[in-house]
Amino acid sequence: MIDNTIHKQVSEYYGKILKNNDDLKTNACCTSSAPPRYVREILPMIKDEILSRFYGCGSPISMGLKGRTVLDLGCGTGRDVFILSKLAGENGHVHGVDMTPEQIEVAIKYQEEQAQIFGFSKVNTSFHLGYIEDLKSLGIEDNSVDVVTSNCVINLSPFKELVFKEVYRVLKEGGELCFSDIFADRRLPEEVKNDPVMHGECMGGAMYFEDFRRLLEKCGFTTYYIVDKTPIQPNDFEIARKVGDIKFFSCTVRAFKCEELEDREENYGHSAIYLGTMEENKRYFDFDENYRFVKNKPLGVSGNVAKILKTSRMKEHFLVEGTGEVHHGLFGALALRVNPTQYDGTAKITAKILDEEAERYDIPAFMDNVRGMDKLYSRENLTTMQVNVGYKCNLTCTHCFLECGPKNSVFDTSTPLPLNHEG
């Protein structure tokens, strides 16, 4: 049985010292960016006690989970497990593993109630008290899981190699590891690694990016992809003093158990089209920080990504084109066709293009949305007019004069348009 001083310190910190997420001294164990809409819509359905004792640094909840088997490492009170169970549906199943009795007791207490809230006739979750380094002893079989996830937990393990080997063992061929955790731009000094508070705050076990890459490869994962990367700011002076110039990041990454992947992204002339069939988001799918697949839009992809899309559960949702017989060197800039969601900054967006895009995505035409030219003006002498042509543009804007999208598409003229604003 696995046990050591760090395990005991972490269990003590999360089970007895921290009463809720307000007790944290840094933002490392707090979600660094807003979760996607399909997660936000489920959060109000989760019981308050579960939410108040949630400690996570990202949103590692993938799409396309209907009917799948999912495993959450370090599930705590079960927040992500229950979100995953809603997405997996009654015919899917989600396992949660945690070593802290005080945490997992909360999760088990709400199992049946959460299933009822989701409208399920049966519970589709299982919780296991144990170590994420030893999943076999918990009865989780080889090649039995579609997706393994974890939220700011793997950094807490002193035996990370065992964790990744176990993940690789339980994943099916084409299975995905998608997790959020804390990374550093260098190897940590011993005084930081051995500090119990630093460890409890998820920074003492942060992985140096290059060591993480080497460790993944050693355990069977050839490459990985960064989905999101956010700097971490210590809120506590003593912690800031200890870490000095070390830069910490909260990252969501994904890796796949897929044979014949290469250690570099090579170009074989492949392209892929998202069919818009994942229930979580039918308009687009973000594979990582470089790839946004818009429904029905061909996008150039590397040989690795082509193999992943053809091997993993995503094969049901993508059309991959190209034989892969001719090698064109390293995969560089994305082979994009000019379109309003992803364009190079020099392309002109015309009314015709807007109408074509509206028809493609089955939304009202641009001028139908405007409902009168007077709605376009927010001041007597118009200096700048913004036209949001995609979700990415919407999410970039931080002002509130416009609620844009298929359901909210009329300008609110109560707030003036900023000068020289570019959407």
Protein backbone atom coordinates (compact mmCIF):
# COMPACT_ATOMS: atom_id res chain seq x y z
CA MET A 1 0.00 0.00 0.00
CA ILE A 2 1.34 3.44 -0.97
CA ASP A 3 1.87 5.89 1.86
CA ASN A 4 4.40 8.53 2.87
CA THR A 5 4.79 11.82 4.72
CA ILE A 6 3.65 14.01 1.81
CA HIS A 7 0.45 11.99 1.39
CA LYS A 8 -0.33 12.45 5.08
CA GLN A 9 0.43 16.20 4.93
CA VAL A 10 -1.82 16.71 1.92
CA SER A 11 -4.66 14.67 3.41
CA GLU A 12 -4.38 16.67 6.65
CA TYR A 13 -4.32 19.99 4.76
CA TYR A 14 -7.42 19.26 2.65
CA GLY A 15 -9.29 17.22 5.22
CA LYS A 16 -8.83 19.24 8.40
CA ILE A 17 -7.02 22.59 7.82
CA LEU A 18 -9.02 23.83 4.83
CA LYS A 19 -12.71 24.18 5.65
CA ASN A 20 -13.60 25.74 2.29
CA ASN A 21 -11.87 27.37 -0.69
CA ASP A 22 -11.73 30.77 1.08
CA ASP A 23 -8.95 29.37 3.30
CA LEU A 24 -6.47 29.06 0.41
CA LYS A 25 -3.41 31.36 0.45
CA THR A 26 -2.91 31.50 -3.35
CA ASN A 27 -5.06 31.29 -6.45
CA ALA A 28 -3.22 28.12 -7.56
CA CYS A 29 -6.01 25.83 -6.33
CA CYS A 30 -8.76 28.07 -7.67
CA THR A 31 -10.19 27.87 -11.16
CA SER A 32 -8.06 30.25 -13.22
CA SER A 33 -10.48 30.92 -16.08
CA ALA A 34 -14.21 30.72 -16.66
CA PRO A 35 -15.40 27.20 -17.47
CA PRO A 36 -17.12 26.62 -20.81
CA ARG A 37 -20.84 27.22 -21.10
CA TYR A 38 -21.74 23.52 -21.00
CA VAL A 39 -20.08 23.32 -17.57
CA ARG A 40 -21.51 26.59 -16.28
CA GLU A 41 -25.02 25.40 -17.08
CA ILE A 42 -24.59 22.37 -14.80
CA LEU A 43 -22.96 24.14 -11.82
CA PRO A 44 -26.26 25.50 -10.38
CA MET A 45 -27.46 21.89 -10.17
CA ILE A 46 -24.59 20.88 -7.86
CA LYS A 47 -25.19 20.97 -4.09
CA ASP A 48 -23.62 23.89 -2.20
CA GLU A 49 -21.52 21.78 0.17
CA ILE A 50 -19.84 20.11 -2.79
CA LEU A 51 -19.06 23.45 -4.43
CA SER A 52 -17.75 25.18 -1.29
CA ARG A 53 -15.06 22.54 -0.77
CA PHE A 54 -13.92 22.39 -4.38
CA TYR A 55 -10.22 23.05 -5.01
CA GLY A 56 -9.26 23.15 -8.69
CA CYS A 57 -7.12 25.21 -11.03
CA GLY A 58 -8.86 24.80 -14.37
CA SER A 59 -11.67 23.22 -16.33
CA PRO A 60 -10.39 19.89 -17.68
CA ILE A 61 -13.82 18.64 -18.74
CA SER A 62 -13.75 17.47 -22.33
CA MET A 63 -16.56 17.31 -24.88
CA GLY A 64 -18.08 14.24 -26.46
CA LEU A 65 -18.64 12.30 -23.23
CA LYS A 66 -22.13 10.89 -23.87
CA GLY A 67 -22.19 7.21 -22.90
CA ARG A 68 -18.48 7.17 -22.00
CA THR A 69 -16.55 5.87 -19.00
CA VAL A 70 -14.63 8.62 -17.21
CA LEU A 71 -12.20 8.59 -14.27
CA ASP A 72 -11.51 11.63 -12.06
CA LEU A 73 -8.24 11.45 -10.11
CA GLY A 74 -8.37 13.26 -6.77
CA CYS A 75 -12.09 13.91 -7.01
CA GLY A 76 -12.47 15.54 -3.59
CA THR A 77 -16.12 16.21 -2.79
CA GLY A 78 -17.10 15.21 -6.31
CA ARG A 79 -17.85 18.48 -8.09
CA ASP A 80 -16.24 17.48 -11.38
CA VAL A 81 -17.45 13.88 -11.06
CA PHE A 82 -21.06 15.05 -10.93
CA ILE A 83 -20.57 17.48 -13.83
CA LEU A 84 -19.01 14.64 -15.82
CA SER A 85 -21.84 12.30 -14.87
CA LYS A 86 -24.40 14.75 -16.23
CA LEU A 87 -22.47 15.01 -19.52
CA ALA A 88 -21.90 11.24 -19.75
CA GLY A 89 -25.60 10.62 -19.26
CA GLU A 90 -27.37 7.77 -17.55
CA ASN A 91 -25.68 5.18 -19.76
CA GLY A 92 -22.20 6.53 -19.06
CA HIS A 93 -20.25 6.03 -15.85
CA VAL A 94 -17.84 8.20 -13.85
CA HIS A 95 -15.36 6.96 -11.23
CA GLY A 96 -13.94 9.29 -8.60
CA VAL A 97 -10.80 8.47 -6.58
CA ASP A 98 -9.55 10.37 -3.54
CA MET A 99 -7.39 9.55 -0.52
CA THR A 100 -9.04 12.01 1.92
CA PRO A 101 -11.95 10.47 3.85
CA GLU A 102 -13.47 13.84 4.85
CA GLN A 103 -13.72 14.82 1.18
CA ILE A 104 -15.04 11.63 -0.33
CA GLU A 105 -17.65 11.22 2.40
CA VAL A 106 -19.30 14.41 1.13
CA ALA A 107 -19.34 13.05 -2.42
CA ILE A 108 -20.90 9.73 -1.40
CA LYS A 109 -23.53 11.53 0.70
CA TYR A 110 -24.92 13.31 -2.37
CA GLN A 111 -24.64 10.50 -4.96
CA GLU A 112 -28.31 9.55 -5.12
CA GLU A 113 -29.58 13.11 -4.75
CA GLN A 114 -27.44 14.37 -7.64
CA ALA A 115 -28.65 11.51 -9.86
CA GLN A 116 -32.24 12.51 -9.08
CA ILE A 117 -31.51 16.18 -9.82
CA PHE A 118 -30.13 15.16 -13.22
CA GLY A 119 -33.26 13.11 -13.92
CA PHE A 120 -31.48 9.76 -13.92
CA SER A 121 -33.27 6.58 -12.88
CA LYS A 122 -30.02 5.15 -11.52
CA VAL A 123 -26.73 6.37 -10.05
CA ASN A 124 -23.96 6.53 -12.66
CA THR A 125 -21.08 7.41 -10.32
CA SER A 126 -18.70 5.37 -8.15
CA PHE A 127 -16.39 6.79 -5.48
CA HIS A 128 -13.24 5.01 -4.31
CA LEU A 129 -11.19 5.87 -1.21
CA GLY A 130 -7.60 5.19 -2.20
CA TYR A 131 -4.48 6.39 -4.00
CA ILE A 132 -4.33 7.62 -7.58
CA GLU A 133 -0.96 5.87 -7.88
CA ASP A 134 -2.58 2.45 -7.33
CA LEU A 135 -5.81 2.25 -9.33
CA LYS A 136 -5.49 -1.51 -9.79
CA SER A 137 -6.14 -2.13 -6.09
CA LEU A 138 -9.41 -0.18 -6.51
CA GLY A 139 -10.58 -2.55 -9.24
CA ILE A 140 -10.12 -0.22 -12.22
CA GLU A 141 -9.18 -2.56 -15.06
CA ASP A 142 -6.78 -2.26 -17.99
CA ASN A 143 -8.13 -0.54 -21.12
CA SER A 144 -11.45 0.26 -19.44
CA VAL A 145 -11.65 4.07 -19.44
CA ASP A 146 -12.36 6.53 -22.27
CA VAL A 147 -11.23 9.71 -20.51
CA VAL A 148 -9.11 10.31 -17.40
CA THR A 149 -9.33 13.75 -15.85
CA SER A 150 -7.90 15.50 -12.81
CA ASN A 151 -8.12 19.02 -11.42
CA CYS A 152 -5.02 20.30 -9.63
CA VAL A 153 -4.21 16.97 -7.96
CA ILE A 154 -1.37 15.21 -9.79
CA ASN A 155 1.07 17.88 -8.58
CA LEU A 156 0.28 16.74 -5.02
CA SER A 157 1.55 13.22 -5.68
CA PRO A 158 5.17 12.42 -4.77
CA PHE A 159 4.99 9.49 -7.22
CA LYS A 160 3.97 11.13 -10.48
CA GLU A 161 5.50 8.43 -12.64
CA LEU A 162 3.24 5.84 -11.01
CA VAL A 163 0.24 8.10 -11.66
CA PHE A 164 0.92 8.47 -15.38
CA LYS A 165 1.71 4.76 -15.78
CA GLU A 166 -1.60 3.88 -14.14
CA VAL A 167 -3.43 6.36 -16.36
CA TYR A 168 -1.88 4.81 -19.46
CA ARG A 169 -2.80 1.32 -18.22
CA VAL A 170 -6.50 2.04 -17.64
CA LEU A 171 -7.07 4.08 -20.83
CA LYS A 172 -8.48 2.41 -23.89
CA GLU A 173 -6.59 2.78 -27.18
CA GLY A 174 -7.43 6.30 -28.33
CA GLY A 175 -8.33 7.26 -24.76
CA GLU A 176 -7.63 10.75 -23.48
CA LEU A 177 -5.89 12.18 -20.43
CA CYS A 178 -7.21 15.71 -19.97
CA PHE A 179 -6.19 17.43 -16.74
CA SER A 180 -5.53 20.83 -15.19
CA ASP A 181 -2.52 21.30 -12.96
CA ILE A 182 0.29 23.57 -11.83
CA PHE A 183 3.49 23.87 -13.85
CA ALA A 184 6.69 25.87 -13.38
CA ASP A 185 9.24 27.40 -15.74
CA ARG A 186 12.10 25.65 -13.89
CA ARG A 187 12.83 22.86 -11.41
CA LEU A 188 11.86 23.77 -7.86
CA PRO A 189 14.43 24.09 -5.04
CA GLU A 190 14.15 21.62 -2.18
CA GLU A 191 12.90 24.22 0.33
CA VAL A 192 9.89 24.87 -1.91
CA LYS A 193 9.21 21.20 -2.69
CA ASN A 194 9.39 20.15 0.97
CA ASP A 195 7.28 22.96 2.43
CA PRO A 196 3.91 21.49 3.58
CA VAL A 197 1.97 24.71 2.92
CA MET A 198 3.51 25.11 -0.54
CA HIS A 199 2.54 21.51 -1.27
CA GLY A 200 -0.99 21.99 0.02
CA GLU A 201 -1.33 25.11 -2.12
CA CYS A 202 -0.42 22.98 -5.19
CA MET A 203 2.85 24.82 -5.85
CA GLY A 204 5.37 22.59 -4.04
CA GLY A 205 4.73 19.75 -6.48
CA ALA A 206 4.50 21.86 -9.63
CA MET A 207 5.98 20.13 -12.68
CA TYR A 208 8.72 21.73 -14.78
CA PHE A 209 7.40 21.68 -18.35
CA GLU A 210 10.35 19.80 -19.86
CA ASP A 211 10.47 17.21 -17.08
CA PHE A 212 6.73 16.69 -17.55
CA ARG A 213 7.25 16.07 -21.29
CA ARG A 214 9.99 13.53 -20.57
CA LEU A 215 7.93 11.78 -17.89
CA LEU A 216 4.87 11.48 -20.14
CA GLU A 217 6.98 9.95 -22.89
CA LYS A 218 8.51 7.47 -20.45
CA CYS A 219 5.02 6.36 -19.42
CA GLY A 220 3.79 5.86 -22.99
CA PHE A 221 2.40 9.25 -24.03
CA THR A 222 4.41 10.54 -27.00
CA THR A 223 3.21 14.13 -26.96
CA TYR A 224 0.77 16.50 -25.26
CA TYR A 225 -1.22 19.62 -26.11
CA ILE A 226 -1.83 22.75 -24.02
CA VAL A 227 -5.47 23.77 -23.99
CA ASP A 228 -5.18 26.72 -21.61
CA LYS A 229 -2.29 28.43 -19.78
CA THR A 230 -2.71 31.09 -17.07
CA PRO A 231 -0.06 32.67 -14.77
CA ILE A 232 -0.50 32.17 -11.01
CA GLN A 233 -0.15 35.04 -8.55
CA PRO A 234 0.61 34.24 -4.86
CA ASN A 235 -1.68 36.22 -2.55
CA ASP A 236 0.46 35.53 0.52
CA PHE A 237 3.67 37.54 1.12
CA GLU A 238 5.54 34.65 2.72
CA ILE A 239 4.78 32.37 -0.23
CA ALA A 240 5.80 35.08 -2.69
CA ARG A 241 9.10 35.43 -0.83
CA LYS A 242 9.77 31.68 -0.97
CA VAL A 243 9.12 31.27 -4.69
CA GLY A 244 11.17 34.32 -5.74
CA ASP A 245 11.52 34.53 -9.53
CA ILE A 246 9.94 31.14 -10.26
CA LYS A 247 6.99 31.52 -12.61
CA PHE A 248 4.03 29.24 -12.02
CA PHE A 249 1.22 28.50 -14.45
CA SER A 250 -2.15 26.82 -14.27
CA CYS A 251 -2.44 24.71 -17.43
CA THR A 252 -5.02 22.40 -18.90
CA VAL A 253 -3.34 19.78 -21.07
CA ARG A 254 -4.46 16.76 -23.02
CA ALA A 255 -2.59 13.65 -24.15
CA PHE A 256 -3.79 10.51 -25.92
CA LYS A 257 -3.01 6.82 -25.74
CA CYS A 258 -2.50 6.46 -29.46
CA GLU A 259 0.02 4.27 -31.25
CA GLU A 260 2.46 5.64 -33.82
CA LEU A 261 2.29 9.29 -32.76
CA GLU A 262 5.47 11.25 -33.44
CA ASP A 263 7.37 13.42 -30.95
CA ARG A 264 6.94 16.45 -33.24
CA GLU A 265 3.95 17.81 -35.14
CA GLU A 266 4.66 16.85 -38.75
CA ASN A 267 2.81 17.96 -41.87
CA TYR A 268 1.33 15.28 -44.14
CA GLY A 269 -1.28 17.46 -45.80
CA HIS A 270 -4.22 16.42 -43.62
CA SER A 271 -7.27 18.54 -42.92
CA ALA A 272 -10.19 17.93 -40.59
CA ILE A 273 -13.79 19.09 -40.40
CA TYR A 274 -15.82 19.23 -37.17
CA LEU A 275 -19.30 17.89 -37.92
CA GLY A 276 -20.95 19.82 -35.09
CA THR A 277 -22.29 16.69 -33.45
CA MET A 278 -20.98 17.02 -29.87
CA GLU A 279 -23.89 17.99 -27.64
CA GLU A 280 -21.74 20.23 -25.44
CA ASN A 281 -21.01 22.67 -28.30
CA LYS A 282 -22.32 22.16 -31.82
CA ARG A 283 -20.75 25.32 -33.22
CA TYR A 284 -17.05 24.71 -32.57
CA PHE A 285 -14.54 22.52 -30.75
CA ASP A 286 -11.28 23.76 -29.18
CA PHE A 287 -8.70 20.98 -29.40
CA ASP A 288 -5.92 23.09 -27.86
CA GLU A 289 -4.73 26.71 -27.80
CA ASN A 290 -3.95 26.54 -31.54
CA TYR A 291 -6.82 24.53 -32.98
CA ARG A 292 -10.38 25.82 -33.02
CA PHE A 293 -12.53 23.68 -35.29
CA VAL A 294 -15.58 25.60 -36.49
CA LYS A 295 -18.47 23.47 -37.70
CA ASN A 296 -18.13 22.48 -41.36
CA LYS A 297 -14.92 24.52 -41.82
CA PRO A 298 -11.87 22.55 -43.08
CA LEU A 299 -8.79 23.13 -40.95
CA GLY A 300 -5.26 21.96 -41.67
CA VAL A 301 -3.95 19.57 -39.01
CA SER A 302 -0.69 17.80 -38.21
CA GLY A 303 -0.25 14.08 -38.76
CA ASN A 304 -0.53 13.50 -35.00
CA VAL A 305 -3.82 15.36 -34.68
CA ALA A 306 -5.18 13.54 -37.74
CA LYS A 307 -4.38 10.18 -36.09
CA ILE A 308 -5.94 11.27 -32.80
CA LEU A 309 -9.13 12.43 -34.48
CA LYS A 310 -9.39 9.12 -36.36
CA THR A 311 -8.58 6.91 -33.34
CA SER A 312 -10.16 8.50 -30.30
CA ARG A 313 -13.84 8.93 -29.40
CA MET A 314 -13.71 12.06 -31.59
CA LYS A 315 -13.78 9.94 -34.75
CA GLU A 316 -17.58 10.05 -34.55
CA HIS A 317 -17.52 13.84 -34.75
CA PHE A 318 -14.82 14.59 -37.36
CA LEU A 319 -14.13 14.01 -41.01
CA VAL A 320 -10.38 13.72 -41.60
CA GLU A 321 -9.13 14.13 -45.16
CA GLY A 322 -5.74 13.34 -46.70
CA THR A 323 -3.82 10.12 -47.31
CA GLY A 324 -0.74 11.10 -45.33
CA GLU A 325 1.52 9.59 -47.99
CA VAL A 326 3.55 12.77 -48.68
CA HIS A 327 5.57 14.48 -45.95
CA HIS A 328 5.79 18.29 -46.13
CA GLY A 329 8.11 18.92 -43.17
CA LEU A 330 7.24 20.24 -39.74
CA PHE A 331 3.68 21.44 -39.29
CA GLY A 332 3.83 25.23 -39.02
CA ALA A 333 1.09 27.82 -39.36
CA LEU A 334 -2.39 26.39 -39.50
CA ALA A 335 -3.62 25.84 -43.04
CA LEU A 336 -6.73 27.93 -42.64
CA ARG A 337 -9.18 29.00 -45.24
CA VAL A 338 -10.11 32.63 -44.70
CA ASN A 339 -13.33 32.81 -42.70
CA PRO A 340 -14.85 35.34 -40.31
CA THR A 341 -14.03 33.33 -37.19
CA GLN A 342 -10.34 32.82 -37.95
CA TYR A 343 -8.82 35.26 -40.43
CA ASP A 344 -5.44 36.85 -40.95
CA GLY A 345 -6.34 40.48 -40.21
CA THR A 346 -6.08 41.61 -43.84
CA ALA A 347 -9.22 39.91 -45.18
CA LYS A 348 -12.21 42.17 -45.76
CA ILE A 349 -15.45 41.14 -44.12
CA THR A 350 -18.28 42.05 -46.47
CA ALA A 351 -22.04 41.94 -46.03
CA LYS A 352 -22.09 39.02 -48.44
CA ILE A 353 -19.64 37.04 -46.28
CA LEU A 354 -21.73 37.78 -43.18
CA ASP A 355 -24.87 36.52 -44.91
CA GLU A 356 -23.08 33.38 -46.12
CA GLU A 357 -21.83 32.64 -42.62
CA ALA A 358 -25.26 33.24 -41.11
CA GLU A 359 -26.76 30.77 -43.59
CA ARG A 360 -23.99 28.22 -42.89
CA TYR A 361 -24.66 28.24 -39.15
CA ASP A 362 -28.44 28.52 -39.52
CA ILE A 363 -28.76 31.85 -37.69
CA PRO A 364 -30.65 34.99 -38.80
CA ALA A 365 -28.97 37.15 -41.44
CA PHE A 366 -26.96 40.14 -40.23
CA MET A 367 -29.45 42.82 -41.32
CA ASP A 368 -32.33 40.81 -39.88
CA ASN A 369 -30.52 40.88 -36.53
CA VAL A 370 -29.99 44.63 -36.67
CA ARG A 371 -33.73 45.29 -37.12
CA GLY A 372 -33.27 48.84 -38.25
CA MET A 373 -30.30 51.05 -38.98
CA ASP A 374 -30.99 53.26 -35.96
CA LYS A 375 -29.89 50.39 -33.74
CA LEU A 376 -26.37 50.61 -35.14
CA TYR A 377 -25.65 54.03 -33.68
CA SER A 378 -24.63 54.79 -30.12
CA ARG A 379 -23.61 58.42 -30.71
CA GLU A 380 -24.54 61.12 -33.15
CA ASN A 381 -21.33 60.91 -35.18
CA LEU A 382 -20.42 57.27 -35.52
CA THR A 383 -16.65 56.74 -35.28
CA THR A 384 -16.41 52.97 -34.96
CA MET A 385 -18.89 50.20 -35.43
CA GLN A 386 -18.09 46.76 -34.10
CA VAL A 387 -19.40 43.64 -35.80
CA ASN A 388 -18.84 40.50 -33.78
CA VAL A 389 -18.59 37.60 -36.19
CA GLY A 390 -17.86 34.71 -33.87
CA TYR A 391 -17.68 33.54 -30.29
CA LYS A 392 -13.93 34.16 -30.15
CA CYS A 393 -14.53 37.83 -30.92
CA ASN A 394 -17.27 38.00 -28.30
CA LEU A 395 -15.10 36.45 -25.61
CA THR A 396 -12.26 38.88 -26.36
CA CYS A 397 -14.40 41.90 -25.52
CA THR A 398 -14.43 43.02 -21.90
CA HIS A 399 -16.93 45.87 -22.20
CA CYS A 400 -20.64 45.35 -21.83
CA PHE A 401 -22.37 47.48 -24.45
CA LEU A 402 -23.20 44.47 -26.58
CA GLU A 403 -24.67 41.07 -25.85
CA CYS A 404 -23.99 39.29 -29.11
CA GLY A 405 -24.94 35.90 -30.43
CA PRO A 406 -27.82 33.97 -31.97
CA LYS A 407 -30.15 34.81 -29.07
CA ASN A 408 -28.98 38.33 -28.18
CA SER A 409 -28.10 40.24 -31.27
CA VAL A 410 -29.36 43.81 -30.91
CA PHE A 411 -27.02 46.60 -29.85
CA ASP A 412 -27.62 48.11 -26.44
CA THR A 413 -27.18 51.83 -27.06
CA SER A 414 -27.09 52.81 -23.39
CA THR A 415 -23.29 52.51 -23.30
CA PRO A 416 -21.22 54.44 -25.86
CA LEU A 417 -19.05 52.56 -28.27
CA PRO A 418 -15.35 52.95 -27.40
CA LEU A 419 -13.26 54.82 -29.95
CA ASN A 420 -10.89 52.80 -32.13
CA HIS A 421 -12.24 49.52 -30.80
CA GLU A 422 -11.54 46.47 -32.90
CA GLY A 423 -13.67 43.38 -32.42
